[in-house]
PDB file of N, CA and C in Angstrom:
ATOM      1  N   MET A   1     -16.966 -75.303  53.339  1.00  0.00           N
ATOM      2  CA  MET A   1     -17.736 -74.237  52.799  1.00  0.00           C
ATOM      3  C   MET A   1     -17.716 -73.052  53.730  1.00  0.00           C
ATOM      4  N   CYS A   2     -17.693 -73.357  54.998  1.00  0.00           N
ATOM      5  CA  CYS A   2     -17.674 -72.314  56.018  1.00  0.00           C
ATOM      6  C   CYS A   2     -16.335 -71.513  55.911  1.00  0.00           C
ATOM      7  N   CYS A   3     -15.275 -72.231  55.593  1.00  0.00           N
ATOM      8  CA  CYS A   3     -13.984 -71.533  55.450  1.00  0.00           C
ATOM      9  C   CYS A   3     -13.988 -70.663  54.225  1.00  0.00           C
ATOM     10  N   PHE A   4     -14.655 -71.094  53.167  1.00  0.00           N
ATOM     11  CA  PHE A   4     -14.753 -70.264  51.958  1.00  0.00           C
ATOM     12  C   PHE A   4     -15.458 -68.965  52.228  1.00  0.00           C
ATOM     13  N   TYR A   5     -16.593 -69.024  52.937  1.00  0.00           N
ATOM     14  CA  TYR A   5     -17.343 -67.794  53.253  1.00  0.00           C
ATOM     15  C   TYR A   5     -16.537 -66.921  54.203  1.00  0.00           C
ATOM     16  N   GLN A   6     -15.866 -67.587  55.115  1.00  0.00           N
ATOM     17  CA  GLN A   6     -15.074 -66.840  56.099  1.00  0.00           C
ATOM     18  C   GLN A   6     -13.914 -66.109  55.348  1.00  0.00           C
ATOM     19  N   ARG A   7     -13.248 -66.818  54.418  1.00  0.00           N
ATOM     20  CA  ARG A   7     -12.147 -66.198  53.680  1.00  0.00           C
ATOM     21  C   ARG A   7     -12.670 -65.085  52.777  1.00  0.00           C
ATOM     22  N   GLN A   8     -13.832 -65.311  52.150  1.00  0.00           N
ATOM     23  CA  GLN A   8     -14.423 -64.278  51.285  1.00  0.00           C
ATOM     24  C   GLN A   8     -14.846 -63.057  52.072  1.00  0.00           C
ATOM     25  N   THR A   9     -15.372 -63.266  53.287  1.00  0.00           N
ATOM     26  CA  THR A   9     -15.750 -62.188  54.155  1.00  0.00           C
ATOM     27  C   THR A   9     -14.490 -61.410  54.596  1.00  0.00           C
ATOM     28  N   GLN A  10     -13.409 -62.148  54.905  1.00  0.00           N
ATOM     29  CA  GLN A  10     -12.169 -61.480  55.263  1.00  0.00           C
ATOM     30  C   GLN A  10     -11.647 -60.636  54.086  1.00  0.00           C
ATOM     31  N   ASN A  11     -11.692 -61.214  52.886  1.00  0.00           N
ATOM     32  CA  ASN A  11     -11.243 -60.468  51.692  1.00  0.00           C
ATOM     33  C   ASN A  11     -12.053 -59.195  51.505  1.00  0.00           C
ATOM     34  N   CYS A  12     -13.388 -59.313  51.660  1.00  0.00           N
ATOM     35  CA  CYS A  12     -14.252 -58.128  51.504  1.00  0.00           C
ATOM     36  C   CYS A  12     -13.950 -57.120  52.578  1.00  0.00           C
ATOM     37  N   THR A  13     -13.720 -57.597  53.798  1.00  0.00           N
ATOM     38  CA  THR A  13     -13.364 -56.694  54.917  1.00  0.00           C
ATOM     39  C   THR A  13     -12.077 -55.959  54.617  1.00  0.00           C
ATOM     40  N   VAL A  14     -11.069 -56.678  54.145  1.00  0.00           N
ATOM     41  CA  VAL A  14      -9.802 -56.056  53.794  1.00  0.00           C
ATOM     42  C   VAL A  14      -9.988 -55.007  52.673  1.00  0.00           C
ATOM     43  N   LEU A  15     -10.768 -55.430  51.682  1.00  0.00           N
ATOM     44  CA  LEU A  15     -11.055 -54.496  50.575  1.00  0.00           C
ATOM     45  C   LEU A  15     -11.789 -53.261  51.035  1.00  0.00           C
ATOM     46  N   LEU A  16     -12.809 -53.448  51.881  1.00  0.00           N
ATOM     47  CA  LEU A  16     -13.537 -52.305  52.392  1.00  0.00           C
ATOM     48  C   LEU A  16     -12.648 -51.424  53.275  1.00  0.00           C
ATOM     49  N   ASN A  17     -11.810 -52.017  54.101  1.00  0.00           N
ATOM     50  CA  ASN A  17     -10.850 -51.244  54.910  1.00  0.00           C
ATOM     51  C   ASN A  17      -9.891 -50.425  54.015  1.00  0.00           C
ATOM     52  N   TRP A  18      -9.453 -51.072  52.924  1.00  0.00           N
ATOM     53  CA  TRP A  18      -8.554 -50.374  52.018  1.00  0.00           C
ATOM     54  C   TRP A  18      -9.316 -49.191  51.302  1.00  0.00           C
ATOM     55  N   LEU A  19     -10.558 -49.453  50.906  1.00  0.00           N
ATOM     56  CA  LEU A  19     -11.354 -48.352  50.283  1.00  0.00           C
ATOM     57  C   LEU A  19     -11.603 -47.197  51.255  1.00  0.00           C
ATOM     58  N   VAL A  20     -11.901 -47.549  52.542  1.00  0.00           N
ATOM     59  CA  VAL A  20     -12.101 -46.499  53.520  1.00  0.00           C
ATOM     60  C   VAL A  20     -10.809 -45.675  53.712  1.00  0.00           C
ATOM     61  N   MET A  21      -9.685 -46.390  53.737  1.00  0.00           N
ATOM     62  CA  MET A  21      -8.388 -45.733  53.922  1.00  0.00           C
ATOM     63  C   MET A  21      -8.100 -44.792  52.741  1.00  0.00           C
ATOM     64  N   VAL A  22      -8.402 -45.258  51.491  1.00  0.00           N
ATOM     65  CA  VAL A  22      -8.162 -44.433  50.309  1.00  0.00           C
ATOM     66  C   VAL A  22      -9.069 -43.217  50.314  1.00  0.00           C
ATOM     67  N   VAL A  23     -10.317 -43.400  50.687  1.00  0.00           N
ATOM     68  CA  VAL A  23     -11.245 -42.269  50.746  1.00  0.00           C
ATOM     69  C   VAL A  23     -10.804 -41.256  51.818  1.00  0.00           C
ATOM     70  N   GLU A  24     -10.348 -41.776  52.971  1.00  0.00           N
ATOM     71  CA  GLU A  24      -9.910 -40.869  54.046  1.00  0.00           C
ATOM     72  C   GLU A  24      -8.669 -40.094  53.612  1.00  0.00           C
ATOM     73  N   ASN A  25      -7.765 -40.797  52.929  1.00  0.00           N
ATOM     74  CA  ASN A  25      -6.557 -40.098  52.383  1.00  0.00           C
ATOM     75  C   ASN A  25      -6.916 -39.022  51.388  1.00  0.00           C
ATOM     76  N   TRP A  26      -7.884 -39.439  50.509  1.00  0.00           N
ATOM     77  CA  TRP A  26      -8.315 -38.435  49.491  1.00  0.00           C
ATOM     78  C   TRP A  26      -8.959 -37.252  50.144  1.00  0.00           C
ATOM     79  N   LEU A  27      -9.789 -37.511  51.164  1.00  0.00           N
ATOM     80  CA  LEU A  27     -10.458 -36.409  51.862  1.00  0.00           C
ATOM     81  C   LEU A  27      -9.438 -35.522  52.588  1.00  0.00           C
ATOM     82  N   ALA A  28      -8.432 -36.132  53.211  1.00  0.00           N
ATOM     83  CA  ALA A  28      -7.392 -35.361  53.896  1.00  0.00           C
ATOM     84  C   ALA A  28      -6.619 -34.531  52.880  1.00  0.00           C
ATOM     85  N   ASP A  29      -6.277 -35.111  51.708  1.00  0.00           N
ATOM     86  CA  ASP A  29      -5.616 -34.352  50.670  1.00  0.00           C
ATOM     87  C   ASP A  29      -6.463 -33.204  50.149  1.00  0.00           C
ATOM     88  N   ALA A  30      -7.756 -33.454  49.984  1.00  0.00           N
ATOM     89  CA  ALA A  30      -8.658 -32.414  49.489  1.00  0.00           C
ATOM     90  C   ALA A  30      -8.742 -31.277  50.506  1.00  0.00           C
ATOM     91  N   TRP A  31      -8.829 -31.608  51.792  1.00  0.00           N
ATOM     92  CA  TRP A  31      -8.868 -30.550  52.811  1.00  0.00           C
ATOM     93  C   TRP A  31      -7.569 -29.781  52.848  1.00  0.00           C
ATOM     94  N   ALA A  32      -6.426 -30.486  52.724  1.00  0.00           N
ATOM     95  CA  ALA A  32      -5.159 -29.796  52.719  1.00  0.00           C
ATOM     96  C   ALA A  32      -5.038 -28.884  51.505  1.00  0.00           C
ATOM     97  N   TRP A  33      -5.487 -29.346  50.327  1.00  0.00           N
ATOM     98  CA  TRP A  33      -5.418 -28.540  49.114  1.00  0.00           C
ATOM     99  C   TRP A  33      -6.306 -27.291  49.305  1.00  0.00           C
ATOM    100  N   TRP A  34      -7.508 -27.510  49.873  1.00  0.00           N
ATOM    101  CA  TRP A  34      -8.432 -26.407  50.059  1.00  0.00           C
ATOM    102  C   TRP A  34      -7.843 -25.379  51.018  1.00  0.00           C
ATOM    103  N   ALA A  35      -7.262 -25.865  52.108  1.00  0.00           N
ATOM    104  CA  ALA A  35      -6.639 -24.938  53.078  1.00  0.00           C
ATOM    105  C   ALA A  35      -5.499 -24.142  52.475  1.00  0.00           C
ATOM    106  N   GLU A  36      -4.649 -24.831  51.666  1.00  0.00           N
ATOM    107  CA  GLU A  36      -3.539 -24.173  51.008  1.00  0.00           C
ATOM    108  C   GLU A  36      -4.063 -23.167  49.986  1.00  0.00           C
ATOM    109  N   ASN A  37      -5.097 -23.514  49.256  1.00  0.00           N
ATOM    110  CA  ASN A  37      -5.686 -22.651  48.266  1.00  0.00           C
ATOM    111  C   ASN A  37      -6.226 -21.381  48.939  1.00  0.00           C
ATOM    112  N   MET A  38      -6.928 -21.564  50.046  1.00  0.00           N
ATOM    113  CA  MET A  38      -7.473 -20.430  50.779  1.00  0.00           C
ATOM    114  C   MET A  38      -6.376 -19.531  51.325  1.00  0.00           C
ATOM    115  N   ALA A  39      -5.275 -20.131  51.810  1.00  0.00           N
ATOM    116  CA  ALA A  39      -4.141 -19.332  52.299  1.00  0.00           C
ATOM    117  C   ALA A  39      -3.520 -18.541  51.194  1.00  0.00           C
ATOM    118  N   CYS A  40      -3.379 -19.125  49.987  1.00  0.00           N
ATOM    119  CA  CYS A  40      -2.851 -18.425  48.835  1.00  0.00           C
ATOM    120  C   CYS A  40      -3.749 -17.301  48.417  1.00  0.00           C
ATOM    121  N   GLU A  41      -5.061 -17.582  48.359  1.00  0.00           N
ATOM    122  CA  GLU A  41      -6.016 -16.559  47.994  1.00  0.00           C
ATOM    123  C   GLU A  41      -6.005 -15.411  48.979  1.00  0.00           C
ATOM    124  N   ASN A  42      -5.871 -15.714  50.253  1.00  0.00           N
ATOM    125  CA  ASN A  42      -5.784 -14.657  51.262  1.00  0.00           C
ATOM    126  C   ASN A  42      -4.547 -13.797  51.057  1.00  0.00           C
ATOM    127  N   ALA A  43      -3.439 -14.481  50.751  1.00  0.00           N
ATOM    128  CA  ALA A  43      -2.185 -13.720  50.536  1.00  0.00           C
ATOM    129  C   ALA A  43      -2.306 -12.866  49.283  1.00  0.00           C
ATOM    130  N   TRP A  44      -2.930 -13.409  48.222  1.00  0.00           N
ATOM    131  CA  TRP A  44      -3.108 -12.637  46.999  1.00  0.00           C
ATOM    132  C   TRP A  44      -4.022 -11.443  47.260  1.00  0.00           C
ATOM    133  N   ASP A  45      -5.085 -11.668  47.993  1.00  0.00           N
ATOM    134  CA  ASP A  45      -6.035 -10.601  48.356  1.00  0.00           C
ATOM    135  C   ASP A  45      -5.343  -9.511  49.143  1.00  0.00           C
ATOM    136  N   GLN A  46      -4.482  -9.933  50.067  1.00  0.00           N
ATOM    137  CA  GLN A  46      -3.736  -8.955  50.900  1.00  0.00           C
ATOM    138  C   GLN A  46      -2.816  -8.102  50.035  1.00  0.00           C
ATOM    139  N   ALA A  47      -2.085  -8.812  49.137  1.00  0.00           N
ATOM    140  CA  ALA A  47      -1.148  -8.079  48.239  1.00  0.00           C
ATOM    141  C   ALA A  47      -1.955  -7.163  47.305  1.00  0.00           C
ATOM    142  N   ASP A  48      -3.090  -7.641  46.776  1.00  0.00           N
ATOM    143  CA  ASP A  48      -3.906  -6.849  45.919  1.00  0.00           C
ATOM    144  C   ASP A  48      -4.414  -5.606  46.658  1.00  0.00           C
ATOM    145  N   GLN A  49      -4.813  -5.784  47.896  1.00  0.00           N
ATOM    146  CA  GLN A  49      -5.295  -4.681  48.694  1.00  0.00           C
ATOM    147  C   GLN A  49      -4.190  -3.635  48.941  1.00  0.00           C
ATOM    148  N   GLU A  50      -2.974  -4.132  49.193  1.00  0.00           N
ATOM    149  CA  GLU A  50      -1.840  -3.191  49.391  1.00  0.00           C
ATOM    150  C   GLU A  50      -1.544  -2.423  48.122  1.00  0.00           C
ATOM    151  N   PHE A  51      -1.596  -3.085  46.984  1.00  0.00           N
ATOM    152  CA  PHE A  51      -1.371  -2.350  45.700  1.00  0.00           C
ATOM    153  C   PHE A  51      -2.448  -1.331  45.457  1.00  0.00           C
ATOM    154  N   TRP A  52      -3.715  -1.654  45.789  1.00  0.00           N
ATOM    155  CA  TRP A  52      -4.812  -0.692  45.603  1.00  0.00           C
ATOM    156  C   TRP A  52      -4.586   0.507  46.504  1.00  0.00           C
ATOM    157  N   VAL A  53      -4.104   0.293  47.714  1.00  0.00           N
ATOM    158  CA  VAL A  53      -3.830   1.413  48.637  1.00  0.00           C
ATOM    159  C   VAL A  53      -2.765   2.285  48.051  1.00  0.00           C
ATOM    160  N   GLN A  54      -1.686   1.655  47.543  1.00  0.00           N
ATOM    161  CA  GLN A  54      -0.613   2.440  46.906  1.00  0.00           C
ATOM    162  C   GLN A  54      -1.128   3.227  45.674  1.00  0.00           C
ATOM    163  N   LEU A  55      -1.958   2.569  44.894  1.00  0.00           N
ATOM    164  CA  LEU A  55      -2.501   3.231  43.694  1.00  0.00           C
ATOM    165  C   LEU A  55      -3.391   4.425  44.122  1.00  0.00           C
ATOM    166  N   LEU A  56      -4.193   4.286  45.145  1.00  0.00           N
ATOM    167  CA  LEU A  56      -5.039   5.378  45.609  1.00  0.00           C
ATOM    168  C   LEU A  56      -4.212   6.526  46.136  1.00  0.00           C
ATOM    169  N   VAL A  57      -3.102   6.196  46.846  1.00  0.00           N
ATOM    170  CA  VAL A  57      -2.251   7.256  47.325  1.00  0.00           C
ATOM    171  C   VAL A  57      -1.606   8.026  46.159  1.00  0.00           C
ATOM    172  N   LEU A  58      -1.179   7.300  45.130  1.00  0.00           N
ATOM    173  CA  LEU A  58      -0.594   7.954  43.973  1.00  0.00           C
ATOM    174  C   LEU A  58      -1.627   8.816  43.237  1.00  0.00           C
ATOM    175  N   GLU A  59      -2.827   8.282  43.101  1.00  0.00           N
ATOM    176  CA  GLU A  59      -3.883   9.066  42.462  1.00  0.00           C
ATOM    177  C   GLU A  59      -4.238  10.339  43.268  1.00  0.00           C
ATOM    178  N   CYS A  60      -4.212  10.214  44.607  1.00  0.00           N
ATOM    179  CA  CYS A  60      -4.448  11.393  45.447  1.00  0.00           C
ATOM    180  C   CYS A  60      -3.345  12.413  45.269  1.00  0.00           C
ATOM    181  N   GLU A  61      -2.104  11.965  45.210  1.00  0.00           N
ATOM    182  CA  GLU A  61      -0.989  12.918  44.993  1.00  0.00           C
ATOM    183  C   GLU A  61      -1.121  13.535  43.589  1.00  0.00           C
ATOM    184  N   ASN A  62      -1.536  12.764  42.607  1.00  0.00           N
ATOM    185  CA  ASN A  62      -1.720  13.304  41.250  1.00  0.00           C
ATOM    186  C   ASN A  62      -2.798  14.388  41.250  1.00  0.00           C
ATOM    187  N   VAL A  63      -3.886  14.114  41.958  1.00  0.00           N
ATOM    188  CA  VAL A  63      -4.979  15.124  42.032  1.00  0.00           C
ATOM    189  C   VAL A  63      -4.508  16.382  42.711  1.00  0.00           C
ATOM    190  N   LYS A  64      -3.726  16.209  43.824  1.00  0.00           N
ATOM    191  CA  LYS A  64      -3.190  17.386  44.507  1.00  0.00           C
ATOM    192  C   LYS A  64      -2.274  18.191  43.595  1.00  0.00           C
ATOM    193  N   ALA A  65      -1.434  17.482  42.831  1.00  0.00           N
ATOM    194  CA  ALA A  65      -0.501  18.218  41.912  1.00  0.00           C
ATOM    195  C   ALA A  65      -1.341  18.907  40.822  1.00  0.00           C
ATOM    196  N   LEU A  66      -2.400  18.305  40.340  1.00  0.00           N
ATOM    197  CA  LEU A  66      -3.224  18.961  39.345  1.00  0.00           C
ATOM    198  C   LEU A  66      -3.901  20.189  39.940  1.00  0.00           C
ATOM    199  N   TRP A  67      -4.333  20.091  41.192  1.00  0.00           N
ATOM    200  CA  TRP A  67      -4.915  21.301  41.845  1.00  0.00           C
ATOM    201  C   TRP A  67      -3.897  22.434  41.966  1.00  0.00           C
ATOM    202  N   LYS A  68      -2.652  22.065  42.349  1.00  0.00           N
ATOM    203  CA  LYS A  68      -1.621  23.079  42.445  1.00  0.00           C
ATOM    204  C   LYS A  68      -1.343  23.670  41.087  1.00  0.00           C
ATOM    205  N   GLN A  69      -1.284  22.830  40.064  1.00  0.00           N
ATOM    206  CA  GLN A  69      -1.022  23.336  38.720  1.00  0.00           C
ATOM    207  C   GLN A  69      -2.168  24.241  38.249  1.00  0.00           C
ATOM    208  N   THR A  70      -3.396  23.879  38.574  1.00  0.00           N
ATOM    209  CA  THR A  70      -4.516  24.723  38.185  1.00  0.00           C
ATOM    210  C   THR A  70      -4.455  26.015  38.929  1.00  0.00           C
ATOM    211  N   THR A  71      -4.067  26.017  40.194  1.00  0.00           N
ATOM    212  CA  THR A  71      -3.931  27.254  40.962  1.00  0.00           C
ATOM    213  C   THR A  71      -2.874  28.168  40.376  1.00  0.00           C
ATOM    214  N   VAL A  72      -1.707  27.586  40.053  1.00  0.00           N
ATOM    215  CA  VAL A  72      -0.643  28.415  39.450  1.00  0.00           C
ATOM    216  C   VAL A  72      -1.079  28.966  38.107  1.00  0.00           C
ATOM    217  N   LEU A  73      -1.737  28.131  37.308  1.00  0.00           N
ATOM    218  CA  LEU A  73      -2.217  28.596  35.984  1.00  0.00           C
ATOM    219  C   LEU A  73      -3.269  29.701  36.140  1.00  0.00           C
ATOM    220  N   GLY A  74      -4.149  29.532  37.143  1.00  0.00           N
ATOM    221  CA  GLY A  74      -5.162  30.597  37.432  1.00  0.00           C
ATOM    222  C   GLY A  74      -4.488  31.897  37.803  1.00  0.00           C
ATOM    223  N   ARG A  75      -3.458  31.827  38.621  1.00  0.00           N
ATOM    224  CA  ARG A  75      -2.743  33.021  39.024  1.00  0.00           C
ATOM    225  C   ARG A  75      -2.073  33.696  37.791  1.00  0.00           C
ATOM    226  N   ALA A  76      -1.475  32.826  36.940  1.00  0.00           N
ATOM    227  CA  ALA A  76      -0.830  33.407  35.745  1.00  0.00           C
ATOM    228  C   ALA A  76      -1.830  34.070  34.831  1.00  0.00           C
ATOM    229  N   VAL A  77      -2.998  33.437  34.651  1.00  0.00           N
ATOM    230  CA  VAL A  77      -4.014  34.031  33.781  1.00  0.00           C
ATOM    231  C   VAL A  77      -4.534  35.335  34.410  1.00  0.00           C
ATOM    232  N   GLN A  78      -4.707  35.322  35.726  1.00  0.00           N
ATOM    233  CA  GLN A  78      -5.172  36.533  36.396  1.00  0.00           C
ATOM    234  C   GLN A  78      -4.126  37.659  36.270  1.00  0.00           C
ATOM    235  N   ALA A  79      -2.852  37.293  36.430  1.00  0.00           N
ATOM    236  CA  ALA A  79      -1.792  38.288  36.290  1.00  0.00           C
ATOM    237  C   ALA A  79      -1.759  38.808  34.872  1.00  0.00           C
ATOM    238  N   ARG A  80      -1.955  37.904  33.877  1.00  0.00           N
ATOM    239  CA  ARG A  80      -1.960  38.330  32.489  1.00  0.00           C
ATOM    240  C   ARG A  80      -3.131  39.251  32.246  1.00  0.00           C
ATOM    241  N   ASP A  81      -4.267  38.897  32.785  1.00  0.00           N
ATOM    242  CA  ASP A  81      -5.448  39.720  32.569  1.00  0.00           C
ATOM    243  C   ASP A  81      -5.227  41.123  33.222  1.00  0.00           C
ATOM    244  N   ASN A  82      -4.565  41.143  34.363  1.00  0.00           N
ATOM    245  CA  ASN A  82      -4.341  42.409  35.057  1.00  0.00           C
ATOM    246  C   ASN A  82      -3.252  43.237  34.386  1.00  0.00           C
ATOM    247  N   ASP A  83      -2.178  42.571  34.012  1.00  0.00           N
ATOM    248  CA  ASP A  83      -1.017  43.287  33.497  1.00  0.00           C
ATOM    249  C   ASP A  83      -0.639  42.776  32.095  1.00  0.00           C
ATOM    250  N   TYR A  84      -1.578  42.571  31.227  1.00  0.00           N
ATOM    251  CA  TYR A  84      -1.261  41.960  29.956  1.00  0.00           C
ATOM    252  C   TYR A  84      -0.417  42.828  29.065  1.00  0.00           C
ATOM    253  N   TRP A  85      -0.507  44.149  29.237  1.00  0.00           N
ATOM    254  CA  TRP A  85       0.374  45.008  28.434  1.00  0.00           C
ATOM    255  C   TRP A  85       1.825  44.841  28.800  1.00  0.00           C
ATOM    256  N   VAL A  86       2.088  44.789  30.084  1.00  0.00           N
ATOM    257  CA  VAL A  86       3.480  44.645  30.554  1.00  0.00           C
ATOM    258  C   VAL A  86       4.011  43.268  30.132  1.00  0.00           C
ATOM    259  N   LEU A  87       3.210  42.222  30.368  1.00  0.00           N
ATOM    260  CA  LEU A  87       3.693  40.884  30.024  1.00  0.00           C
ATOM    261  C   LEU A  87       3.893  40.730  28.508  1.00  0.00           C
ATOM    262  N   ASP A  88       2.952  41.256  27.748  1.00  0.00           N
ATOM    263  CA  ASP A  88       3.104  41.162  26.283  1.00  0.00           C
ATOM    264  C   ASP A  88       4.351  41.902  25.812  1.00  0.00           C
ATOM    265  N   THR A  89       4.612  43.052  26.402  1.00  0.00           N
ATOM    266  CA  THR A  89       5.805  43.800  26.026  1.00  0.00           C
ATOM    267  C   THR A  89       7.083  42.999  26.367  1.00  0.00           C
ATOM    268  N   ILE A  90       7.101  42.404  27.553  1.00  0.00           N
ATOM    269  CA  ILE A  90       8.257  41.627  27.970  1.00  0.00           C
ATOM    270  C   ILE A  90       8.437  40.423  27.036  1.00  0.00           C
ATOM    271  N   LEU A  91       7.350  39.780  26.682  1.00  0.00           N
ATOM    272  CA  LEU A  91       7.440  38.621  25.769  1.00  0.00           C
ATOM    273  C   LEU A  91       7.923  39.033  24.401  1.00  0.00           C
ATOM    274  N   VAL A  92       7.422  40.149  23.910  1.00  0.00           N
ATOM    275  CA  VAL A  92       7.849  40.609  22.609  1.00  0.00           C
ATOM    276  C   VAL A  92       9.325  40.969  22.600  1.00  0.00           C
ATOM    277  N   LEU A  93       9.794  41.631  23.644  1.00  0.00           N
ATOM    278  CA  LEU A  93      11.196  41.964  23.758  1.00  0.00           C
ATOM    279  C   LEU A  93      12.059  40.715  23.880  1.00  0.00           C
ATOM    280  N   ALA A  94      11.585  39.764  24.641  1.00  0.00           N
ATOM    281  CA  ALA A  94      12.357  38.506  24.779  1.00  0.00           C
ATOM    282  C   ALA A  94      12.478  37.788  23.460  1.00  0.00           C
ATOM    283  N   VAL A  95      11.391  37.725  22.701  1.00  0.00           N
ATOM    284  CA  VAL A  95      11.434  37.036  21.417  1.00  0.00           C
ATOM    285  C   VAL A  95      12.232  37.843  20.416  1.00  0.00           C
ATOM    286  N   ALA A  96      12.150  39.171  20.468  1.00  0.00           N
ATOM    287  CA  ALA A  96      12.861  39.993  19.494  1.00  0.00           C
ATOM    288  C   ALA A  96      14.364  39.882  19.649  1.00  0.00           C
ATOM    289  N   PHE A  97      14.847  39.713  20.849  1.00  0.00           N
ATOM    290  CA  PHE A  97      16.298  39.701  21.089  1.00  0.00           C
ATOM    291  C   PHE A  97      16.885  38.310  21.159  1.00  0.00           C
ATOM    292  N   VAL A  98      16.135  37.295  20.799  1.00  0.00           N
ATOM    293  CA  VAL A  98      16.664  35.936  20.717  1.00  0.00           C
ATOM    294  C   VAL A  98      17.338  35.763  19.366  1.00  0.00           C
ATOM    295  N   LEU A  99      18.529  35.218  19.353  1.00  0.00           N
ATOM    296  CA  LEU A  99      19.233  35.037  18.100  1.00  0.00           C
ATOM    297  C   LEU A  99      18.503  34.004  17.250  1.00  0.00           C
ATOM    298  N   PRO A 100      18.450  34.221  15.950  1.00  0.00           N
ATOM    299  CA  PRO A 100      17.739  33.263  15.078  1.00  0.00           C
ATOM    300  C   PRO A 100      18.328  31.877  15.147  1.00  0.00           C
ATOM    301  N   THR A 101      19.638  31.738  15.491  1.00  0.00           N
ATOM    302  CA  THR A 101      20.217  30.412  15.560  1.00  0.00           C
ATOM    303  C   THR A 101      19.687  29.643  16.780  1.00  0.00           C
ATOM    304  N   ALA A 102      19.118  30.344  17.723  1.00  0.00           N
ATOM    305  CA  ALA A 102      18.586  29.690  18.910  1.00  0.00           C
ATOM    306  C   ALA A 102      17.122  29.250  18.729  1.00  0.00           C
ATOM    307  N   TRP A 103      16.531  29.671  17.624  1.00  0.00           N
ATOM    308  CA  TRP A 103      15.137  29.322  17.380  1.00  0.00           C
ATOM    309  C   TRP A 103      15.027  27.854  16.970  1.00  0.00           C
ATOM    310  N   SER A 104      13.874  27.314  17.180  1.00  0.00           N
ATOM    311  CA  SER A 104      13.655  25.953  16.694  1.00  0.00           C
ATOM    312  C   SER A 104      13.502  26.000  15.183  1.00  0.00           C
ATOM    313  N   PRO A 105      13.819  24.909  14.484  1.00  0.00           N
ATOM    314  CA  PRO A 105      13.749  24.921  13.043  1.00  0.00           C
ATOM    315  C   PRO A 105      12.370  25.277  12.482  1.00  0.00           C
ATOM    316  N   THR A 106      11.318  25.037  13.231  1.00  0.00           N
ATOM    317  CA  THR A 106      10.007  25.377  12.742  1.00  0.00           C
ATOM    318  C   THR A 106       9.718  26.870  12.796  1.00  0.00           C
ATOM    319  N   LEU A 107      10.452  27.595  13.645  1.00  0.00           N
ATOM    320  CA  LEU A 107      10.221  29.020  13.761  1.00  0.00           C
ATOM    321  C   LEU A 107      11.171  29.845  12.876  1.00  0.00           C
ATOM    322  N   VAL A 108      12.226  29.239  12.362  1.00  0.00           N
ATOM    323  CA  VAL A 108      13.191  29.982  11.547  1.00  0.00           C
ATOM    324  C   VAL A 108      12.512  30.287  10.211  1.00  0.00           C
ATOM    325  N   LEU A 109      12.681  31.511   9.830  1.00  0.00           N
ATOM    326  CA  LEU A 109      12.128  31.946   8.528  1.00  0.00           C
ATOM    327  C   LEU A 109      12.898  31.293   7.437  1.00  0.00           C
ATOM    328  N   PRO A 110      12.207  30.861   6.352  1.00  0.00           N
ATOM    329  CA  PRO A 110      12.907  30.241   5.235  1.00  0.00           C
ATOM    330  C   PRO A 110      13.685  31.291   4.464  1.00  0.00           C
ATOM    331  N   ALA A 111      14.495  30.815   3.578  1.00  0.00           N
ATOM    332  CA  ALA A 111      15.256  31.748   2.702  1.00  0.00           C
ATOM    333  C   ALA A 111      14.256  32.538   1.855  1.00  0.00           C
ATOM    334  N   PRO A 112      14.689  33.691   1.374  1.00  0.00           N
ATOM    335  CA  PRO A 112      13.757  34.503   0.584  1.00  0.00           C
ATOM    336  C   PRO A 112      13.153  33.679  -0.538  1.00  0.00           C
ATOM    337  N   TRP A 113      11.872  33.864  -0.711  1.00  0.00           N
ATOM    338  CA  TRP A 113      11.130  33.070  -1.665  1.00  0.00           C
ATOM    339  C   TRP A 113      11.340  33.642  -3.077  1.00  0.00           C
ATOM    340  N   LYS A 114      11.588  32.758  -4.030  1.00  0.00           N
ATOM    341  CA  LYS A 114      11.743  33.183  -5.391  1.00  0.00           C
ATOM    342  C   LYS A 114      10.711  32.451  -6.201  1.00  0.00           C
ATOM    343  N   PRO A 115      10.100  33.132  -7.124  1.00  0.00           N
ATOM    344  CA  PRO A 115       9.143  32.416  -7.984  1.00  0.00           C
ATOM    345  C   PRO A 115       9.865  31.457  -8.881  1.00  0.00           C
ATOM    346  N   PRO A 116       9.255  30.342  -9.212  1.00  0.00           N
ATOM    347  CA  PRO A 116       9.924  29.403 -10.096  1.00  0.00           C
ATOM    348  C   PRO A 116      10.111  29.992 -11.492  1.00  0.00           C
ATOM    349  N   ASN A 117      11.168  29.567 -12.127  1.00  0.00           N
ATOM    350  CA  ASN A 117      11.438  30.027 -13.494  1.00  0.00           C
ATOM    351  C   ASN A 117      10.246  29.618 -14.365  1.00  0.00           C
ATOM    352  N   SER A 118       9.744  30.605 -15.059  1.00  0.00           N
ATOM    353  CA  SER A 118       8.597  30.276 -15.923  1.00  0.00           C
ATOM    354  C   SER A 118       9.142  29.873 -17.282  1.00  0.00           C
ATOM    355  N   SER A 119       8.940  28.650 -17.606  1.00  0.00           N
ATOM    356  CA  SER A 119       9.358  28.212 -18.919  1.00  0.00           C
ATOM    357  C   SER A 119       8.267  28.480 -19.911  1.00  0.00           C
ATOM    358  N   PRO A 120       8.604  28.685 -21.150  1.00  0.00           N
ATOM    359  CA  PRO A 120       7.559  28.977 -22.135  1.00  0.00           C
ATOM    360  C   PRO A 120       6.619  27.782 -22.271  1.00  0.00           C
ATOM    361  N   SER A 121       5.398  28.108 -22.279  1.00  0.00           N
ATOM    362  CA  SER A 121       4.407  27.080 -22.364  1.00  0.00           C
ATOM    363  C   SER A 121       4.086  26.781 -23.817  1.00  0.00           C
ATOM    364  N   PRO A 122       3.919  25.562 -24.160  1.00  0.00           N
ATOM    365  CA  PRO A 122       3.628  25.239 -25.565  1.00  0.00           C
ATOM    366  C   PRO A 122       2.225  25.705 -25.971  1.00  0.00           C
ATOM    367  N   TRP A 123       1.402  26.026 -25.013  1.00  0.00           N
ATOM    368  CA  TRP A 123       0.026  26.406 -25.296  1.00  0.00           C
ATOM    369  C   TRP A 123      -0.155  27.897 -25.581  1.00  0.00           C
ATOM    370  N   THR A 124       0.887  28.649 -25.305  1.00  0.00           N
ATOM    371  CA  THR A 124       0.712  30.092 -25.514  1.00  0.00           C
ATOM    372  C   THR A 124       1.289  30.541 -26.797  1.00  0.00           C
TER     373      THR A 124
END
């Protein structure tokens, strides 16, 4: 009977050792997965941060270009306000001496308009 208890205790000890080993392996795998996940998230965050920096630089350049465009447009409007007679004359002359074949199709005058043939109405 003593051998039976001794063998059963040994079996339980082996089983408990195996369970402890499995739990330790699982815990080690969980820690490794967590560390790898954190490393990937850090890399993604770093790449995301770099893209945001690039985006902000592009937006800053866009705003600067818009400011330059606004400045040029303001100068043109001011020049037109100051010298609108001269500019209007130059524009009229430029448009007047452009060949009609160079005009866009929407600006070309249509052929002379003719009224439709009036057919006799049965009501008259």
